[in-house]
C-alpha atoms as a PDB file:
ATOM      1  CA  MET A   1     101.637 135.818 122.784  1.00  0.00           C
ATOM      2  CA  SER A   2     101.550 138.355 119.979  1.00  0.00           C
ATOM      3  CA  GLN A   3      98.072 139.578 119.056  1.00  0.00           C
ATOM      4  CA  GLY A   4      98.879 139.571 115.361  1.00  0.00           C
ATOM      5  CA  TRP A   5     100.822 136.303 115.085  1.00  0.00           C
ATOM      6  CA  ASN A   6     100.433 134.750 111.646  1.00  0.00           C
ATOM      7  CA  ALA A   7     102.181 132.318 109.316  1.00  0.00           C
ATOM      8  CA  SER A   8     104.846 134.878 108.439  1.00  0.00           C
ATOM      9  CA  ASN A   9     106.060 134.635 112.038  1.00  0.00           C
ATOM     10  CA  ILE A  10     106.920 130.927 111.790  1.00  0.00           C
ATOM     11  CA  PRO A  11     110.629 130.523 112.592  1.00  0.00           C
ATOM     12  CA  ASP A  12     112.920 128.959 110.005  1.00  0.00           C
ATOM     13  CA  GLN A  13     112.203 125.234 109.871  1.00  0.00           C
ATOM     14  CA  SER A  14     115.115 124.253 107.615  1.00  0.00           C
ATOM     15  CA  GLY A  15     116.509 120.839 108.482  1.00  0.00           C
ATOM     16  CA  ARG A  16     113.419 119.870 110.454  1.00  0.00           C
ATOM     17  CA  THR A  17     111.001 117.043 109.639  1.00  0.00           C
ATOM     18  CA  ALA A  18     107.269 117.197 110.335  1.00  0.00           C
ATOM     19  CA  VAL A  19     104.578 114.527 110.145  1.00  0.00           C
ATOM     20  CA  ILE A  20     101.063 115.925 109.723  1.00  0.00           C
ATOM     21  CA  THR A  21      98.139 113.523 109.837  1.00  0.00           C
ATOM     22  CA  GLY A  22      95.149 114.340 107.659  1.00  0.00           C
ATOM     23  CA  ALA A  23      97.222 116.740 105.571  1.00  0.00           C
ATOM     24  CA  ASN A  24      95.263 116.281 102.355  1.00  0.00           C
ATOM     25  CA  SER A  25      92.716 119.051 103.063  1.00  0.00           C
ATOM     26  CA  GLY A  26      91.580 121.781 105.428  1.00  0.00           C
ATOM     27  CA  ILE A  27      93.812 122.950 108.242  1.00  0.00           C
ATOM     28  CA  GLY A  28      96.078 119.918 107.825  1.00  0.00           C
ATOM     29  CA  LEU A  29      96.934 120.917 104.273  1.00  0.00           C
ATOM     30  CA  ILE A  30      97.511 124.538 105.293  1.00  0.00           C
ATOM     31  CA  THR A  31      99.688 123.417 108.190  1.00  0.00           C
ATOM     32  CA  ALA A  32     101.798 121.245 105.897  1.00  0.00           C
ATOM     33  CA  ARG A  33     102.085 123.967 103.281  1.00  0.00           C
ATOM     34  CA  GLU A  34     103.206 126.658 105.726  1.00  0.00           C
ATOM     35  CA  LEU A  35     105.749 124.380 107.394  1.00  0.00           C
ATOM     36  CA  ALA A  36     107.119 123.505 103.950  1.00  0.00           C
ATOM     37  CA  ARG A  37     107.227 127.200 103.078  1.00  0.00           C
ATOM     38  CA  SER A  38     109.337 127.722 106.196  1.00  0.00           C
ATOM     39  CA  GLY A  39     111.825 125.068 105.099  1.00  0.00           C
ATOM     40  CA  ALA A  40     110.607 121.900 106.809  1.00  0.00           C
ATOM     41  CA  ARG A  41     110.430 118.514 105.182  1.00  0.00           C
ATOM     42  CA  VAL A  42     106.770 117.550 105.524  1.00  0.00           C
ATOM     43  CA  LEU A  43     105.300 114.064 105.402  1.00  0.00           C
ATOM     44  CA  LEU A  44     101.613 114.129 104.503  1.00  0.00           C
ATOM     45  CA  ALA A  45     100.181 111.200 106.443  1.00  0.00           C
ATOM     46  CA  CYS A  46      96.815 110.559 104.795  1.00  0.00           C
ATOM     47  CA  ARG A  47      94.373 107.695 104.361  1.00  0.00           C
ATOM     48  CA  ASP A  48      93.353 108.397 100.749  1.00  0.00           C
ATOM     49  CA  LYS A  49      96.209 107.947  98.266  1.00  0.00           C
ATOM     50  CA  ASP A  50      94.699 110.056  95.488  1.00  0.00           C
ATOM     51  CA  ARG A  51      93.929 112.980  97.781  1.00  0.00           C
ATOM     52  CA  GLY A  52      97.273 112.658  99.506  1.00  0.00           C
ATOM     53  CA  LYS A  53      99.185 112.719  96.228  1.00  0.00           C
ATOM     54  CA  GLU A  54      97.069 115.666  95.049  1.00  0.00           C
ATOM     55  CA  ALA A  55      97.949 117.578  98.225  1.00  0.00           C
ATOM     56  CA  GLU A  56     101.617 116.777  97.682  1.00  0.00           C
ATOM     57  CA  SER A  57     101.378 118.100  94.118  1.00  0.00           C
ATOM     58  CA  ARG A  58      99.589 121.265  95.236  1.00  0.00           C
ATOM     59  CA  ILE A  59     102.294 122.086  97.773  1.00  0.00           C
ATOM     60  CA  ARG A  60     105.079 121.392  95.289  1.00  0.00           C
ATOM     61  CA  ALA A  61     103.362 123.533  92.646  1.00  0.00           C
ATOM     62  CA  ALA A  62     102.878 126.428  95.050  1.00  0.00           C
ATOM     63  CA  LEU A  63     106.366 126.107  96.519  1.00  0.00           C
ATOM     64  CA  PRO A  64     108.916 124.912  93.952  1.00  0.00           C
ATOM     65  CA  GLY A  65     111.672 123.039  95.737  1.00  0.00           C
ATOM     66  CA  ALA A  66     109.514 122.247  98.769  1.00  0.00           C
ATOM     67  CA  GLU A  67     110.089 118.895 100.448  1.00  0.00           C
ATOM     68  CA  ALA A  68     106.596 117.408 100.637  1.00  0.00           C
ATOM     69  CA  GLU A  69     105.802 113.717 100.425  1.00  0.00           C
ATOM     70  CA  PHE A  70     102.600 111.712 100.766  1.00  0.00           C
ATOM     71  CA  VAL A  71     102.849 108.675 103.044  1.00  0.00           C
ATOM     72  CA  PRO A  72      99.853 106.357 103.540  1.00  0.00           C
ATOM     73  CA  LEU A  73      98.346 106.238 107.026  1.00  0.00           C
ATOM     74  CA  ASP A  74      94.885 105.070 108.046  1.00  0.00           C
ATOM     75  CA  LEU A  75      94.238 105.948 111.676  1.00  0.00           C
ATOM     76  CA  ALA A  76      91.157 103.712 111.632  1.00  0.00           C
ATOM     77  CA  ASP A  77      93.406 100.660 111.221  1.00  0.00           C
ATOM     78  CA  LEU A  78      96.141 100.015 113.777  1.00  0.00           C
ATOM     79  CA  SER A  79      98.003  97.768 111.348  1.00  0.00           C
ATOM     80  CA  SER A  80      98.393 100.825 109.091  1.00  0.00           C
ATOM     81  CA  VAL A  81      99.600 102.882 112.059  1.00  0.00           C
ATOM     82  CA  ARG A  82     102.201 100.256 112.889  1.00  0.00           C
ATOM     83  CA  GLU A  83     103.306 100.025 109.259  1.00  0.00           C
ATOM     84  CA  PHE A  84     103.703 103.794 109.048  1.00  0.00           C
ATOM     85  CA  ALA A  85     105.833 103.900 112.205  1.00  0.00           C
ATOM     86  CA  ALA A  86     107.940 100.918 111.164  1.00  0.00           C
ATOM     87  CA  SER A  87     108.704 102.447 107.756  1.00  0.00           C
ATOM     88  CA  TYR A  88     109.338 105.988 109.019  1.00  0.00           C
ATOM     89  CA  PRO A  89     112.317 107.027 106.899  1.00  0.00           C
ATOM     90  CA  SER A  90     114.491 108.983 109.340  1.00  0.00           C
ATOM     91  CA  ASP A  91     116.070 108.891 112.786  1.00  0.00           C
ATOM     92  CA  ARG A  92     114.810 112.410 113.392  1.00  0.00           C
ATOM     93  CA  LEU A  93     111.271 113.680 113.968  1.00  0.00           C
ATOM     94  CA  ASP A  94     110.907 117.290 114.990  1.00  0.00           C
ATOM     95  CA  LEU A  95     107.150 117.774 114.762  1.00  0.00           C
ATOM     96  CA  LEU A  96     104.316 115.289 115.045  1.00  0.00           C
ATOM     97  CA  ILE A  97     101.044 117.056 114.385  1.00  0.00           C
ATOM     98  CA  ASN A  98      98.064 114.884 115.250  1.00  0.00           C
ATOM     99  CA  ASN A  99      95.611 116.777 113.078  1.00  0.00           C
ATOM    100  CA  ALA A 100      93.382 114.210 111.360  1.00  0.00           C
ATOM    101  CA  GLY A 101      89.891 113.703 112.686  1.00  0.00           C
ATOM    102  CA  VAL A 102      86.289 112.848 111.995  1.00  0.00           C
ATOM    103  CA  MET A 103      83.249 114.679 113.321  1.00  0.00           C
ATOM    104  CA  ALA A 104      79.700 113.691 114.265  1.00  0.00           C
ATOM    105  CA  LEU A 105      79.534 110.552 112.153  1.00  0.00           C
ATOM    106  CA  PRO A 106      76.803 107.939 112.369  1.00  0.00           C
ATOM    107  CA  TYR A 107      77.798 105.060 114.608  1.00  0.00           C
ATOM    108  CA  GLY A 108      80.515 102.931 113.095  1.00  0.00           C
ATOM    109  CA  ARG A 109      83.593 100.948 114.021  1.00  0.00           C
ATOM    110  CA  THR A 110      87.211 101.032 112.971  1.00  0.00           C
ATOM    111  CA  ALA A 111      89.055  98.006 111.577  1.00  0.00           C
ATOM    112  CA  ASP A 112      89.951  97.093 115.164  1.00  0.00           C
ATOM    113  CA  GLY A 113      86.401  97.397 116.474  1.00  0.00           C
ATOM    114  CA  PHE A 114      86.587 100.814 118.139  1.00  0.00           C
ATOM    115  CA  GLU A 115      83.847 103.423 117.814  1.00  0.00           C
ATOM    116  CA  THR A 116      84.989 105.458 114.823  1.00  0.00           C
ATOM    117  CA  GLN A 117      85.356 108.898 116.392  1.00  0.00           C
ATOM    118  CA  PHE A 118      87.161 107.638 119.495  1.00  0.00           C
ATOM    119  CA  GLY A 119      89.218 105.215 117.409  1.00  0.00           C
ATOM    120  CA  VAL A 120      90.386 107.746 114.816  1.00  0.00           C
ATOM    121  CA  ASN A 121      90.550 110.941 116.843  1.00  0.00           C
ATOM    122  CA  HIS A 122      92.200 109.475 119.935  1.00  0.00           C
ATOM    123  CA  LEU A 123      93.342 105.859 119.763  1.00  0.00           C
ATOM    124  CA  GLY A 124      94.947 106.078 116.321  1.00  0.00           C
ATOM    125  CA  HIS A 125      96.956 109.116 117.368  1.00  0.00           C
ATOM    126  CA  PHE A 126      97.792 107.613 120.768  1.00  0.00           C
ATOM    127  CA  ALA A 127      99.260 104.579 119.020  1.00  0.00           C
ATOM    128  CA  LEU A 128     101.064 106.648 116.390  1.00  0.00           C
ATOM    129  CA  THR A 129     102.684 108.925 118.962  1.00  0.00           C
ATOM    130  CA  GLY A 130     103.754 105.994 121.118  1.00  0.00           C
ATOM    131  CA  LEU A 131     105.299 104.142 118.209  1.00  0.00           C
ATOM    132  CA  LEU A 132     107.170 107.249 117.042  1.00  0.00           C
ATOM    133  CA  LEU A 133     108.222 108.260 120.554  1.00  0.00           C
ATOM    134  CA  PRO A 134     111.866 107.083 120.229  1.00  0.00           C
ATOM    135  CA  LYS A 135     112.307 109.361 117.195  1.00  0.00           C
ATOM    136  CA  LEU A 136     110.750 112.294 119.033  1.00  0.00           C
ATOM    137  CA  LEU A 137     112.784 111.759 122.200  1.00  0.00           C
ATOM    138  CA  GLY A 138     115.955 111.536 120.137  1.00  0.00           C
ATOM    139  CA  THR A 139     115.359 114.884 118.417  1.00  0.00           C
ATOM    140  CA  PRO A 140     116.263 118.018 120.404  1.00  0.00           C
ATOM    141  CA  GLY A 141     113.479 120.593 120.390  1.00  0.00           C
ATOM    142  CA  ALA A 142     110.824 118.157 119.162  1.00  0.00           C
ATOM    143  CA  ARG A 143     107.127 118.760 119.765  1.00  0.00           C
ATOM    144  CA  VAL A 144     103.863 116.826 119.637  1.00  0.00           C
ATOM    145  CA  VAL A 145     100.756 118.862 118.855  1.00  0.00           C
ATOM    146  CA  SER A 146      97.283 117.355 119.036  1.00  0.00           C
ATOM    147  CA  VAL A 147      94.361 119.181 117.449  1.00  0.00           C
ATOM    148  CA  SER A 148      91.374 119.155 119.781  1.00  0.00           C
ATOM    149  CA  SER A 149      88.245 121.320 119.657  1.00  0.00           C
ATOM    150  CA  ALA A 150      86.258 123.766 121.740  1.00  0.00           C
ATOM    151  CA  MET A 151      83.575 121.080 121.417  1.00  0.00           C
ATOM    152  CA  HIS A 152      85.440 119.061 124.033  1.00  0.00           C
ATOM    153  CA  ALA A 153      83.299 121.024 126.505  1.00  0.00           C
ATOM    154  CA  VAL A 154      80.228 119.081 125.334  1.00  0.00           C
ATOM    155  CA  SER A 155      81.210 115.999 127.319  1.00  0.00           C
ATOM    156  CA  ASN A 156      83.808 114.420 129.534  1.00  0.00           C
ATOM    157  CA  ILE A 157      84.934 110.901 128.647  1.00  0.00           C
ATOM    158  CA  ASP A 158      83.057 107.927 130.064  1.00  0.00           C
ATOM    159  CA  ILE A 159      85.859 105.604 131.154  1.00  0.00           C
ATOM    160  CA  GLY A 160      83.361 102.769 131.463  1.00  0.00           C
ATOM    161  CA  ASP A 161      82.057 103.219 127.916  1.00  0.00           C
ATOM    162  CA  LEU A 162      84.926 104.611 125.843  1.00  0.00           C
ATOM    163  CA  ASN A 163      83.473 103.153 122.657  1.00  0.00           C
ATOM    164  CA  SER A 164      80.027 104.687 123.231  1.00  0.00           C
ATOM    165  CA  GLU A 165      78.288 101.345 122.981  1.00  0.00           C
ATOM    166  CA  HIS A 166      75.373 102.565 125.106  1.00  0.00           C
ATOM    167  CA  ASN A 167      73.067 105.310 123.828  1.00  0.00           C
ATOM    168  CA  TYR A 168      75.331 106.608 121.049  1.00  0.00           C
ATOM    169  CA  ARG A 169      74.934 110.301 120.292  1.00  0.00           C
ATOM    170  CA  ARG A 170      77.232 111.580 117.580  1.00  0.00           C
ATOM    171  CA  TRP A 171      78.029 114.995 119.064  1.00  0.00           C
ATOM    172  CA  ILE A 172      78.548 113.606 122.562  1.00  0.00           C
ATOM    173  CA  ALA A 173      80.905 110.994 121.099  1.00  0.00           C
ATOM    174  CA  TYR A 174      82.743 113.706 119.201  1.00  0.00           C
ATOM    175  CA  GLY A 175      83.101 115.838 122.332  1.00  0.00           C
ATOM    176  CA  ARG A 176      84.403 112.849 124.255  1.00  0.00           C
ATOM    177  CA  SER A 177      87.012 112.153 121.592  1.00  0.00           C
ATOM    178  CA  LYS A 178      88.179 115.777 121.755  1.00  0.00           C
ATOM    179  CA  THR A 179      88.322 115.609 125.554  1.00  0.00           C
ATOM    180  CA  ALA A 180      90.439 112.485 125.096  1.00  0.00           C
ATOM    181  CA  ASN A 181      92.832 114.495 122.910  1.00  0.00           C
ATOM    182  CA  LEU A 182      93.341 117.026 125.697  1.00  0.00           C
ATOM    183  CA  LEU A 183      93.625 114.403 128.421  1.00  0.00           C
ATOM    184  CA  PHE A 184      96.230 112.606 126.306  1.00  0.00           C
ATOM    185  CA  ILE A 185      98.335 115.762 126.016  1.00  0.00           C
ATOM    186  CA  HIS A 186      97.895 116.451 129.726  1.00  0.00           C
ATOM    187  CA  GLU A 187      99.024 112.966 130.731  1.00  0.00           C
ATOM    188  CA  LEU A 188     101.812 112.876 128.143  1.00  0.00           C
ATOM    189  CA  SER A 189     103.120 116.213 129.457  1.00  0.00           C
ATOM    190  CA  ARG A 190     103.020 114.908 133.021  1.00  0.00           C
ATOM    191  CA  ARG A 191     104.943 111.770 132.104  1.00  0.00           C
ATOM    192  CA  LEU A 192     107.502 113.656 130.034  1.00  0.00           C
ATOM    193  CA  ALA A 193     108.159 116.027 132.940  1.00  0.00           C
ATOM    194  CA  ALA A 194     108.579 113.082 135.316  1.00  0.00           C
ATOM    195  CA  ALA A 195     111.088 111.542 132.913  1.00  0.00           C
ATOM    196  CA  GLY A 196     113.025 114.804 132.634  1.00  0.00           C
ATOM    197  CA  SER A 197     112.387 115.005 128.879  1.00  0.00           C
ATOM    198  CA  GLY A 198     112.504 118.232 126.897  1.00  0.00           C
ATOM    199  CA  LEU A 199     109.882 116.998 124.425  1.00  0.00           C
ATOM    200  CA  VAL A 200     106.958 119.441 124.445  1.00  0.00           C
ATOM    201  CA  ALA A 201     103.399 118.145 124.085  1.00  0.00           C
ATOM    202  CA  ALA A 202     100.768 120.804 123.430  1.00  0.00           C
ATOM    203  CA  ALA A 203      97.251 121.100 122.054  1.00  0.00           C
ATOM    204  CA  ALA A 204      95.467 123.485 119.720  1.00  0.00           C
ATOM    205  CA  HIS A 205      92.081 124.013 118.144  1.00  0.00           C
ATOM    206  CA  PRO A 206      90.997 125.913 115.008  1.00  0.00           C
ATOM    207  CA  GLY A 207      87.860 127.605 116.323  1.00  0.00           C
ATOM    208  CA  TYR A 208      85.125 127.661 113.724  1.00  0.00           C
ATOM    209  CA  ALA A 209      87.036 127.122 110.489  1.00  0.00           C
ATOM    210  CA  ALA A 210      85.531 126.285 107.122  1.00  0.00           C
ATOM    211  CA  THR A 211      86.592 122.748 106.201  1.00  0.00           C
ATOM    212  CA  ASN A 212      84.903 119.636 104.849  1.00  0.00           C
ATOM    213  CA  LEU A 213      84.957 118.089 108.331  1.00  0.00           C
ATOM    214  CA  GLN A 214      81.605 119.580 109.323  1.00  0.00           C
ATOM    215  CA  THR A 215      79.624 118.152 106.407  1.00  0.00           C
ATOM    216  CA  ALA A 216      81.057 114.628 106.372  1.00  0.00           C
ATOM    217  CA  GLY A 217      78.446 113.083 108.659  1.00  0.00           C
ATOM    218  CA  ALA A 218      75.501 114.679 106.848  1.00  0.00           C
ATOM    219  CA  ARG A 219      76.832 113.541 103.497  1.00  0.00           C
ATOM    220  CA  MET A 220      77.367 109.974 104.718  1.00  0.00           C
ATOM    221  CA  GLU A 221      73.682 109.810 105.607  1.00  0.00           C
ATOM    222  CA  ASN A 222      72.549 111.759 102.529  1.00  0.00           C
ATOM    223  CA  ARG A 223      71.095 114.529 104.705  1.00  0.00           C
ATOM    224  CA  ARG A 224      71.310 117.128 101.974  1.00  0.00           C
ATOM    225  CA  ALA A 225      69.425 119.892 103.762  1.00  0.00           C
ATOM    226  CA  ALA A 226      71.679 119.615 106.805  1.00  0.00           C
ATOM    227  CA  ALA A 227      74.758 119.671 104.594  1.00  0.00           C
ATOM    228  CA  ARG A 228      73.523 122.836 102.860  1.00  0.00           C
ATOM    229  CA  VAL A 229      72.900 124.588 106.195  1.00  0.00           C
ATOM    230  CA  ILE A 230      76.394 123.682 107.385  1.00  0.00           C
ATOM    231  CA  GLU A 231      77.936 124.880 104.112  1.00  0.00           C
ATOM    232  CA  LEU A 232      76.070 128.187 104.465  1.00  0.00           C
ATOM    233  CA  GLY A 233      77.433 128.602 107.979  1.00  0.00           C
ATOM    234  CA  ASN A 234      80.929 127.873 106.705  1.00  0.00           C
ATOM    235  CA  ARG A 235      80.601 130.636 104.115  1.00  0.00           C
ATOM    236  CA  ILE A 236      79.022 133.277 106.336  1.00  0.00           C
ATOM    237  CA  ILE A 237      80.342 132.691 109.865  1.00  0.00           C
ATOM    238  CA  ALA A 238      83.441 130.532 109.779  1.00  0.00           C
ATOM    239  CA  GLN A 239      86.968 131.791 109.338  1.00  0.00           C
ATOM    240  CA  PRO A 240      88.990 130.336 106.449  1.00  0.00           C
ATOM    241  CA  ALA A 241      91.075 127.209 106.929  1.00  0.00           C
ATOM    242  CA  SER A 242      94.212 129.338 106.576  1.00  0.00           C
ATOM    243  CA  SER A 243      93.233 131.152 109.783  1.00  0.00           C
ATOM    244  CA  GLY A 244      92.055 127.973 111.487  1.00  0.00           C
ATOM    245  CA  ALA A 245      95.518 126.461 111.008  1.00  0.00           C
ATOM    246  CA  LEU A 246      97.289 129.279 112.878  1.00  0.00           C
ATOM    247  CA  PRO A 247      96.820 127.898 116.432  1.00  0.00           C
ATOM    248  CA  THR A 248      98.320 124.579 115.319  1.00  0.00           C
ATOM    249  CA  LEU A 249     101.227 126.326 113.623  1.00  0.00           C
ATOM    250  CA  TYR A 250     101.778 128.483 116.710  1.00  0.00           C
ATOM    251  CA  ALA A 251     101.806 125.475 119.041  1.00  0.00           C
ATOM    252  CA  ALA A 252     104.183 123.659 116.699  1.00  0.00           C
ATOM    253  CA  THR A 253     106.715 126.427 116.047  1.00  0.00           C
ATOM    254  CA  ALA A 254     106.463 129.513 118.245  1.00  0.00           C
ATOM    255  CA  PRO A 255     109.205 129.993 120.837  1.00  0.00           C
ATOM    256  CA  GLY A 256     108.272 129.376 124.449  1.00  0.00           C
ATOM    257  CA  VAL A 257     105.208 127.192 123.937  1.00  0.00           C
ATOM    258  CA  ARG A 258     104.529 125.548 127.274  1.00  0.00           C
ATOM    259  CA  PRO A 259     103.823 121.849 127.805  1.00  0.00           C
ATOM    260  CA  ASP A 260     100.107 121.052 128.104  1.00  0.00           C
ATOM    261  CA  SER A 261      99.134 124.458 126.712  1.00  0.00           C
ATOM    262  CA  PHE A 262      95.952 124.832 124.657  1.00  0.00           C
ATOM    263  CA  THR A 263      96.009 127.397 121.857  1.00  0.00           C
ATOM    264  CA  GLY A 264      92.988 128.603 119.902  1.00  0.00           C
ATOM    265  CA  PRO A 265      91.619 131.719 118.182  1.00  0.00           C
ATOM    266  CA  LYS A 266      91.588 134.842 120.326  1.00  0.00           C
ATOM    267  CA  LEU A 267      88.045 136.103 119.641  1.00  0.00           C
ATOM    268  CA  MET A 268      85.680 134.020 121.786  1.00  0.00           C
ATOM    269  CA  GLY A 269      87.566 130.908 120.701  1.00  0.00           C
ATOM    270  CA  TRP A 270      85.972 131.189 117.261  1.00  0.00           C
ATOM    271  CA  ARG A 271      88.303 133.270 115.135  1.00  0.00           C
ATOM    272  CA  GLY A 272      91.329 135.534 115.215  1.00  0.00           C
ATOM    273  CA  ALA A 273      95.013 135.273 116.026  1.00  0.00           C
ATOM    274  CA  PRO A 274      96.320 132.459 118.255  1.00  0.00           C
ATOM    275  CA  ALA A 275      95.829 132.912 121.992  1.00  0.00           C
ATOM    276  CA  PRO A 276      95.562 130.755 125.123  1.00  0.00           C
ATOM    277  CA  SER A 277      92.254 128.921 124.987  1.00  0.00           C
ATOM    278  CA  ARG A 278      89.814 127.949 127.698  1.00  0.00           C
ATOM    279  CA  ARG A 279      89.486 124.295 128.604  1.00  0.00           C
ATOM    280  CA  THR A 280      87.316 122.384 131.015  1.00  0.00           C
ATOM    281  CA  ARG A 281      88.601 121.245 134.389  1.00  0.00           C
ATOM    282  CA  TRP A 282      88.096 117.628 133.427  1.00  0.00           C
ATOM    283  CA  THR A 283      90.849 117.879 130.794  1.00  0.00           C
ATOM    284  CA  LEU A 284      93.338 118.660 133.588  1.00  0.00           C
ATOM    285  CA  ASP A 285      92.390 115.716 135.794  1.00  0.00           C
ATOM    286  CA  ASP A 286      95.479 113.625 136.592  1.00  0.00           C
ATOM    287  CA  VAL A 287      93.467 110.584 137.632  1.00  0.00           C
ATOM    288  CA  ALA A 288      91.318 110.639 134.493  1.00  0.00           C
ATOM    289  CA  GLY A 289      94.398 111.168 132.337  1.00  0.00           C
ATOM    290  CA  GLU A 290      96.144 108.150 133.812  1.00  0.00           C
ATOM    291  CA  ARG A 291      93.043 105.963 133.534  1.00  0.00           C
ATOM    292  CA  LEU A 292      92.564 106.920 129.886  1.00  0.00           C
ATOM    293  CA  TRP A 293      96.251 106.260 129.224  1.00  0.00           C
ATOM    294  CA  VAL A 294      96.137 102.786 130.732  1.00  0.00           C
ATOM    295  CA  ALA A 295      92.936 101.946 128.856  1.00  0.00           C
ATOM    296  CA  SER A 296      94.435 103.247 125.606  1.00  0.00           C
ATOM    297  CA  GLU A 297      97.514 101.060 126.057  1.00  0.00           C
ATOM    298  CA  GLN A 298      95.288  98.049 126.627  1.00  0.00           C
ATOM    299  CA  LEU A 299      93.042  98.783 123.646  1.00  0.00           C
ATOM    300  CA  THR A 300      95.831  99.536 121.147  1.00  0.00           C
ATOM    301  CA  GLY A 301      98.537  97.203 122.449  1.00  0.00           C
ATOM    302  CA  VAL A 302     100.988 100.123 122.256  1.00  0.00           C
ATOM    303  CA  THR A 303     102.950 100.609 125.455  1.00  0.00           C
ATOM    304  CA  TRP A 304     105.335 103.418 126.392  1.00  0.00           C
ATOM    305  CA  PRO A 305     108.109 101.745 128.397  1.00  0.00           C
ATOM    306  CA  GLY A 306     110.118 104.960 128.722  1.00  0.00           C
ATOM    307  CA  LEU A 307     107.231 106.907 130.235  1.00  0.00           C
ATOM    308  CA  THR A 308     105.789 105.267 133.325  1.00  0.00           C
ATOM    309  CA  GLY A 309     102.880 106.635 135.291  1.00  0.00           C
END
């Protein structure tokens, strides 16, 4: 992996179609913009229509002739996920980038009754990927990239309490949702290999990148002092979102990306060019991956008939 890999190294994406969840801001917006710059048709799958359309306009203004389109998707509502998949406008899907996420929110539930962080960060993307799987399998060279976090190391999942109904702690719940992202990619890679599929599933994380993700929980609870401290850290310590997006872009486009790989910033996992990233042993546990998969199928009602355990 090249030490200095950056967005200029993205191979030509002409003729390819990419879906990026949460593409209205932060690393999702950068990811969509750089894929569009490289020739891809990008679908900005976002919950908020106004922000999604604004992101579409920003990409088109920066890159005249770019193919960028907002498409509504609310990962906190499985009916929206199903509607998105059913109305997907092409037989081809080259890149599915499961980028959207929420972080350290006060306890809440999705439209389907799941704890918000687990529901949005894992279950929504699990359902979306499963529903779009026929498109991905039918597209040579396709990839699925899920954006996890170094914070997955905070906690393993609790298979008996996936919705954190007992003793909810926001950062533990966040870490569990990010562990679930990695376990999903691990199990998906295992099943794809068993099926003889060339579809590559990989994971990435942005390190410490300055986005609005960090302050969302504090703002929801009107914790102004906490929000100011986080904003200060974003300005002084964090790398810009444009750098935080590089591991995702690498995992999505660089030649030779291996299934079940985990790419992050090179320097202590915080910042720098993309490099292989450390992950906990529990994210490579076949038994845990299968148990989470089965539970996720049961919770979402989305099954993967072509990929058996």
